[in-house]
C-alpha atoms as a PDB file:
ATOM      1  CA  UNK A   1      23.988  -6.153  58.577  1.00  0.00           C
ATOM      2  CA  UNK A   2      23.429  -7.565  55.082  1.00  0.00           C
ATOM      3  CA  UNK A   3      20.719 -10.102  54.583  1.00  0.00           C
ATOM      4  CA  UNK A   4      20.599 -12.400  51.602  1.00  0.00           C
ATOM      5  CA  UNK A   5      17.088 -13.056  50.488  1.00  0.00           C
ATOM      6  CA  UNK A   6      16.290 -16.336  48.895  1.00  0.00           C
ATOM      7  CA  UNK A   7      13.518 -16.012  46.331  1.00  0.00           C
ATOM      8  CA  UNK A   8      10.582 -18.242  47.087  1.00  0.00           C
ATOM      9  CA  UNK A   9      10.327 -21.387  45.038  1.00  0.00           C
ATOM     10  CA  UNK A  10       6.968 -21.465  43.324  1.00  0.00           C
ATOM     11  CA  UNK A  11       5.209 -24.642  44.160  1.00  0.00           C
ATOM     12  CA  UNK A  12       2.982 -25.712  41.345  1.00  0.00           C
ATOM     13  CA  UNK A  13       0.810 -28.668  42.030  1.00  0.00           C
ATOM     14  CA  UNK A  14       0.165 -31.058  39.171  1.00  0.00           C
ATOM     15  CA  UNK A  15      -3.422 -29.819  38.880  1.00  0.00           C
ATOM     16  CA  UNK A  16      -2.731 -26.131  39.391  1.00  0.00           C
ATOM     17  CA  UNK A  17      -3.410 -23.458  36.735  1.00  0.00           C
ATOM     18  CA  UNK A  18       0.309 -22.603  36.737  1.00  0.00           C
ATOM     19  CA  UNK A  19       1.286 -26.194  35.950  1.00  0.00           C
ATOM     20  CA  UNK A  20      -1.268 -26.244  33.148  1.00  0.00           C
ATOM     21  CA  UNK A  21       0.101 -22.953  31.754  1.00  0.00           C
ATOM     22  CA  UNK A  22       3.654 -24.342  31.868  1.00  0.00           C
ATOM     23  CA  UNK A  23       2.486 -27.378  29.869  1.00  0.00           C
ATOM     24  CA  UNK A  24       0.675 -25.199  27.330  1.00  0.00           C
ATOM     25  CA  UNK A  25       3.749 -22.990  26.894  1.00  0.00           C
ATOM     26  CA  UNK A  26       5.871 -26.064  26.166  1.00  0.00           C
ATOM     27  CA  UNK A  27       3.377 -27.329  23.584  1.00  0.00           C
ATOM     28  CA  UNK A  28       2.658 -24.136  21.650  1.00  0.00           C
ATOM     29  CA  UNK A  29       5.431 -21.749  22.652  1.00  0.00           C
ATOM     30  CA  UNK A  30       7.799 -22.508  19.774  1.00  0.00           C
ATOM     31  CA  UNK A  31       6.786 -23.026  16.172  1.00  0.00           C
ATOM     32  CA  UNK A  32       8.679 -25.629  14.199  1.00  0.00           C
ATOM     33  CA  UNK A  33      10.010 -24.866  10.732  1.00  0.00           C
ATOM     34  CA  UNK A  34       7.128 -26.656   8.992  1.00  0.00           C
ATOM     35  CA  UNK A  35       4.583 -24.690  11.004  1.00  0.00           C
ATOM     36  CA  UNK A  36       6.433 -21.438  10.249  1.00  0.00           C
ATOM     37  CA  UNK A  37       6.334 -22.235   6.515  1.00  0.00           C
ATOM     38  CA  UNK A  38       2.631 -23.070   6.616  1.00  0.00           C
ATOM     39  CA  UNK A  39       1.769 -19.975   8.659  1.00  0.00           C
ATOM     40  CA  UNK A  40       3.810 -17.747   6.316  1.00  0.00           C
ATOM     41  CA  UNK A  41       1.929 -19.071   3.282  1.00  0.00           C
ATOM     42  CA  UNK A  42      -1.423 -18.696   5.051  1.00  0.00           C
ATOM     43  CA  UNK A  43      -0.601 -15.078   5.964  1.00  0.00           C
ATOM     44  CA  UNK A  44       0.455 -14.317   2.369  1.00  0.00           C
ATOM     45  CA  UNK A  45      -2.711 -15.859   0.927  1.00  0.00           C
ATOM     46  CA  UNK A  46      -4.913 -13.975   3.362  1.00  0.00           C
ATOM     47  CA  UNK A  47      -3.150 -10.690   2.573  1.00  0.00           C
ATOM     48  CA  UNK A  48      -3.365 -11.212  -1.196  1.00  0.00           C
ATOM     49  CA  UNK A  49      -7.006 -12.321  -1.147  1.00  0.00           C
ATOM     50  CA  UNK A  50      -7.945  -9.364   1.043  1.00  0.00           C
ATOM     51  CA  UNK A  51      -6.006  -6.492  -0.584  1.00  0.00           C
ATOM     52  CA  UNK A  52      -5.404  -7.806  -4.120  1.00  0.00           C
ATOM     53  CA  UNK A  53      -8.579  -9.794  -4.933  1.00  0.00           C
ATOM     54  CA  UNK A  54      -8.869  -8.677  -8.575  1.00  0.00           C
ATOM     55  CA  UNK A  55      -5.194  -9.120  -9.490  1.00  0.00           C
ATOM     56  CA  UNK A  56      -2.951 -11.401  -7.438  1.00  0.00           C
ATOM     57  CA  UNK A  57      -5.957 -13.128  -5.903  1.00  0.00           C
ATOM     58  CA  UNK A  58      -6.960 -14.300  -9.385  1.00  0.00           C
ATOM     59  CA  UNK A  59      -3.473 -14.923 -10.787  1.00  0.00           C
ATOM     60  CA  UNK A  60      -1.924 -16.963  -7.962  1.00  0.00           C
ATOM     61  CA  UNK A  61      -2.971 -20.299  -6.519  1.00  0.00           C
ATOM     62  CA  UNK A  62      -2.153 -21.712  -3.093  1.00  0.00           C
ATOM     63  CA  UNK A  63       0.573 -23.863  -4.646  1.00  0.00           C
ATOM     64  CA  UNK A  64       2.358 -20.823  -6.105  1.00  0.00           C
ATOM     65  CA  UNK A  65       3.509 -19.759  -2.632  1.00  0.00           C
ATOM     66  CA  UNK A  66       6.450 -21.290  -0.816  1.00  0.00           C
ATOM     67  CA  UNK A  67       6.975 -20.692   2.899  1.00  0.00           C
ATOM     68  CA  UNK A  68      10.381 -20.042   4.445  1.00  0.00           C
ATOM     69  CA  UNK A  69      11.142 -20.404   8.177  1.00  0.00           C
ATOM     70  CA  UNK A  70      12.735 -17.710  10.312  1.00  0.00           C
ATOM     71  CA  UNK A  71      16.501 -17.321  10.188  1.00  0.00           C
ATOM     72  CA  UNK A  72      17.384 -16.307  13.757  1.00  0.00           C
ATOM     73  CA  UNK A  73      21.066 -15.541  13.066  1.00  0.00           C
ATOM     74  CA  UNK A  74      20.070 -12.971  10.451  1.00  0.00           C
ATOM     75  CA  UNK A  75      16.986 -11.728  12.335  1.00  0.00           C
ATOM     76  CA  UNK A  76      14.768 -12.743   9.414  1.00  0.00           C
ATOM     77  CA  UNK A  77      11.117 -13.502  10.124  1.00  0.00           C
ATOM     78  CA  UNK A  78       9.201 -16.323   8.431  1.00  0.00           C
ATOM     79  CA  UNK A  79       8.122 -15.320   4.931  1.00  0.00           C
ATOM     80  CA  UNK A  80       6.463 -16.627   1.793  1.00  0.00           C
ATOM     81  CA  UNK A  81       7.593 -16.165  -1.798  1.00  0.00           C
ATOM     82  CA  UNK A  82       5.848 -16.669  -5.123  1.00  0.00           C
ATOM     83  CA  UNK A  83       7.615 -16.848  -8.474  1.00  0.00           C
ATOM     84  CA  UNK A  84       5.642 -14.921 -11.103  1.00  0.00           C
ATOM     85  CA  UNK A  85       7.750 -15.782 -14.198  1.00  0.00           C
ATOM     86  CA  UNK A  86      10.228 -13.731 -16.184  1.00  0.00           C
ATOM     87  CA  UNK A  87      12.437 -13.305 -13.123  1.00  0.00           C
ATOM     88  CA  UNK A  88       9.743 -11.523 -11.059  1.00  0.00           C
ATOM     89  CA  UNK A  89       8.978 -12.538  -7.477  1.00  0.00           C
ATOM     90  CA  UNK A  90       6.603 -11.625  -4.705  1.00  0.00           C
ATOM     91  CA  UNK A  91       7.889 -11.685  -1.127  1.00  0.00           C
ATOM     92  CA  UNK A  92       5.485 -11.515   1.815  1.00  0.00           C
ATOM     93  CA  UNK A  93       6.270 -11.138   5.480  1.00  0.00           C
ATOM     94  CA  UNK A  94       4.369 -10.025   8.522  1.00  0.00           C
ATOM     95  CA  UNK A  95       7.410  -8.271   9.949  1.00  0.00           C
ATOM     96  CA  UNK A  96       7.013 -10.157  13.220  1.00  0.00           C
ATOM     97  CA  UNK A  97       3.608  -8.573  13.762  1.00  0.00           C
ATOM     98  CA  UNK A  98       0.527 -10.308  12.385  1.00  0.00           C
ATOM     99  CA  UNK A  99      -1.098  -6.909  11.759  1.00  0.00           C
ATOM    100  CA  UNK A 100       1.744  -5.569   9.600  1.00  0.00           C
ATOM    101  CA  UNK A 101       1.749  -7.357   6.247  1.00  0.00           C
ATOM    102  CA  UNK A 102       4.470  -6.355   3.814  1.00  0.00           C
ATOM    103  CA  UNK A 103       4.241  -7.447   0.181  1.00  0.00           C
ATOM    104  CA  UNK A 104       7.261  -6.735  -1.989  1.00  0.00           C
ATOM    105  CA  UNK A 105       7.594  -7.134  -5.750  1.00  0.00           C
ATOM    106  CA  UNK A 106      11.118  -8.088  -6.827  1.00  0.00           C
ATOM    107  CA  UNK A 107      12.020  -7.711 -10.494  1.00  0.00           C
ATOM    108  CA  UNK A 108      15.190  -7.713 -12.575  1.00  0.00           C
ATOM    109  CA  UNK A 109      16.884  -4.417 -13.383  1.00  0.00           C
ATOM    110  CA  UNK A 110      17.198  -3.314 -17.022  1.00  0.00           C
ATOM    111  CA  UNK A 111      20.995  -3.344 -16.609  1.00  0.00           C
ATOM    112  CA  UNK A 112      20.799  -7.152 -16.304  1.00  0.00           C
ATOM    113  CA  UNK A 113      23.044  -7.531 -13.276  1.00  0.00           C
ATOM    114  CA  UNK A 114      20.654  -7.478 -10.338  1.00  0.00           C
ATOM    115  CA  UNK A 115      17.182  -7.092  -8.887  1.00  0.00           C
ATOM    116  CA  UNK A 116      15.238  -4.123  -7.598  1.00  0.00           C
ATOM    117  CA  UNK A 117      12.388  -4.428  -5.143  1.00  0.00           C
ATOM    118  CA  UNK A 118       9.427  -2.252  -4.301  1.00  0.00           C
ATOM    119  CA  UNK A 119       6.969  -2.545  -1.425  1.00  0.00           C
ATOM    120  CA  UNK A 120       3.397  -2.666  -2.699  1.00  0.00           C
ATOM    121  CA  UNK A 121       0.671  -0.627  -1.075  1.00  0.00           C
ATOM    122  CA  UNK A 122      -2.539  -2.156  -2.359  1.00  0.00           C
ATOM    123  CA  UNK A 123      -4.032  -3.138  -5.665  1.00  0.00           C
ATOM    124  CA  UNK A 124      -3.871   0.324  -7.287  1.00  0.00           C
ATOM    125  CA  UNK A 125      -0.167   0.543  -6.494  1.00  0.00           C
ATOM    126  CA  UNK A 126       0.391  -2.931  -7.965  1.00  0.00           C
ATOM    127  CA  UNK A 127      -1.455  -1.976 -11.158  1.00  0.00           C
ATOM    128  CA  UNK A 128       0.671   1.155 -11.542  1.00  0.00           C
ATOM    129  CA  UNK A 129       3.913  -0.797 -11.038  1.00  0.00           C
ATOM    130  CA  UNK A 130       2.785  -3.507 -13.483  1.00  0.00           C
ATOM    131  CA  UNK A 131       1.975  -0.852 -16.104  1.00  0.00           C
ATOM    132  CA  UNK A 132       5.470   0.587 -15.729  1.00  0.00           C
ATOM    133  CA  UNK A 133       7.087  -2.871 -15.834  1.00  0.00           C
ATOM    134  CA  UNK A 134       5.095  -3.846 -18.941  1.00  0.00           C
ATOM    135  CA  UNK A 135       6.725  -0.985 -20.852  1.00  0.00           C
ATOM    136  CA  UNK A 136      10.208  -2.320 -19.985  1.00  0.00           C
ATOM    137  CA  UNK A 137       9.572  -6.034 -20.530  1.00  0.00           C
ATOM    138  CA  UNK A 138       9.141  -6.797 -16.829  1.00  0.00           C
ATOM    139  CA  UNK A 139      12.304  -5.030 -15.631  1.00  0.00           C
ATOM    140  CA  UNK A 140      12.748  -2.022 -13.397  1.00  0.00           C
ATOM    141  CA  UNK A 141      14.592   0.822 -15.124  1.00  0.00           C
ATOM    142  CA  UNK A 142      18.203   1.119 -13.989  1.00  0.00           C
ATOM    143  CA  UNK A 143      18.955   4.233 -11.954  1.00  0.00           C
ATOM    144  CA  UNK A 144      22.612   5.251 -11.781  1.00  0.00           C
ATOM    145  CA  UNK A 145      21.779   7.490  -8.792  1.00  0.00           C
ATOM    146  CA  UNK A 146      19.863   4.776  -6.918  1.00  0.00           C
ATOM    147  CA  UNK A 147      21.086   1.828  -4.902  1.00  0.00           C
ATOM    148  CA  UNK A 148      23.551  -0.430  -6.684  1.00  0.00           C
ATOM    149  CA  UNK A 149      21.323  -3.244  -7.964  1.00  0.00           C
ATOM    150  CA  UNK A 150      24.436  -5.302  -8.766  1.00  0.00           C
ATOM    151  CA  UNK A 151      25.371  -5.423  -5.100  1.00  0.00           C
ATOM    152  CA  UNK A 152      21.849  -6.386  -3.999  1.00  0.00           C
ATOM    153  CA  UNK A 153      21.231  -9.618  -5.897  1.00  0.00           C
ATOM    154  CA  UNK A 154      23.004 -11.259  -8.823  1.00  0.00           C
ATOM    155  CA  UNK A 155      21.073 -12.646 -11.766  1.00  0.00           C
ATOM    156  CA  UNK A 156      22.297 -16.010 -13.044  1.00  0.00           C
ATOM    157  CA  UNK A 157      24.006 -15.885 -16.414  1.00  0.00           C
ATOM    158  CA  UNK A 158      21.610 -18.320 -18.084  1.00  0.00           C
ATOM    159  CA  UNK A 159      18.387 -20.112 -17.338  1.00  0.00           C
ATOM    160  CA  UNK A 160      15.792 -19.734 -14.639  1.00  0.00           C
ATOM    161  CA  UNK A 161      16.125 -16.864 -12.174  1.00  0.00           C
ATOM    162  CA  UNK A 162      14.765 -19.022  -9.335  1.00  0.00           C
ATOM    163  CA  UNK A 163      17.274 -20.039  -6.617  1.00  0.00           C
END
């Protein structure tokens, strides 16, 4: 004989801990886009001030960062970007995990048709990359054997490189 079990219906009284937890989950469970932007900028600032205090921490202000909300259809997490000038950008994300900060420097390629990015691993790494970029006028050297920078991101023909 087959019995069909009906799962018990949880009864949560208005004053019960479960009812309170349900209310809390509704209030703080989902971040709005504005909160995602603010949190992304805060995470970027904290990361930069902690790991890059003598370089980016001195060169960038709070207002230099712009937060971007998550893009669920593309599986993109909230992030923050800072325009450095000359077509160079910083991109910061926590990769969905508050303990895993990723700071990426994005710079134009010497070929003039796209951008190349590099993940930074601390202040010494940043200084080395900046030294190399200084020698090429702020552009990453084109590598015919590397990824096709033209297919990654297009540079506008004239004017500011900001979107």
